[in-house]
């Protein structure tokens, strides 16, 4: 049971990390598009 719980925590942490990376990349892309529009 403990191993299963650790695996579940690892999966949750990994999905949160992936979500943060995607959110960060989208924000960078939006700001780049915005700055290229003003040029």
Protein backbone atom coordinates (compact mmCIF):
# COMPACT_ATOMS: atom_id res chain seq x y z
CA UNK A 1 0.00 0.00 0.00
CA UNK A 2 2.79 2.42 0.88
CA UNK A 3 4.48 1.84 -2.48
CA UNK A 4 1.22 2.53 -4.29
CA UNK A 5 0.78 5.76 -2.32
CA UNK A 6 4.31 6.92 -3.16
CA UNK A 7 3.73 6.15 -6.83
CA UNK A 8 0.48 8.14 -6.75
CA UNK A 9 2.24 11.12 -5.13
CA UNK A 10 4.96 10.92 -7.78
CA UNK A 11 2.35 10.92 -10.56
CA UNK A 12 0.55 13.90 -9.02
CA UNK A 13 3.78 15.84 -8.65
CA UNK A 14 4.79 15.04 -12.22
CA UNK A 15 1.45 16.14 -13.68
CA UNK A 16 1.63 19.39 -11.70
CA UNK A 17 5.15 19.98 -13.03
CA UNK A 18 4.05 19.34 -16.62
CA UNK A 19 1.07 21.67 -16.15
CA UNK A 20 3.36 24.43 -14.84
CA UNK A 21 5.78 23.99 -17.76
CA UNK A 22 2.95 24.18 -20.31
CA UNK A 23 1.45 27.23 -18.58
CA UNK A 24 4.90 28.91 -18.53
CA UNK A 25 5.52 28.15 -22.22
CA UNK A 26 2.10 29.52 -23.21
CA UNK A 27 2.76 32.72 -21.25
CA UNK A 28 6.14 33.19 -22.96
CA UNK A 29 4.59 32.59 -26.38
CA UNK A 30 1.81 35.10 -25.68
CA UNK A 31 4.28 37.77 -24.56
CA UNK A 32 6.52 37.12 -27.57
CA UNK A 33 3.56 37.47 -29.94
CA UNK A 34 2.52 40.65 -28.19
CA UNK A 35 6.02 42.16 -28.38
CA UNK A 36 6.38 41.21 -32.06
CA UNK A 37 3.04 42.92 -32.77
CA UNK A 38 4.27 46.22 -31.33
CA UNK A 39 7.44 46.20 -33.46
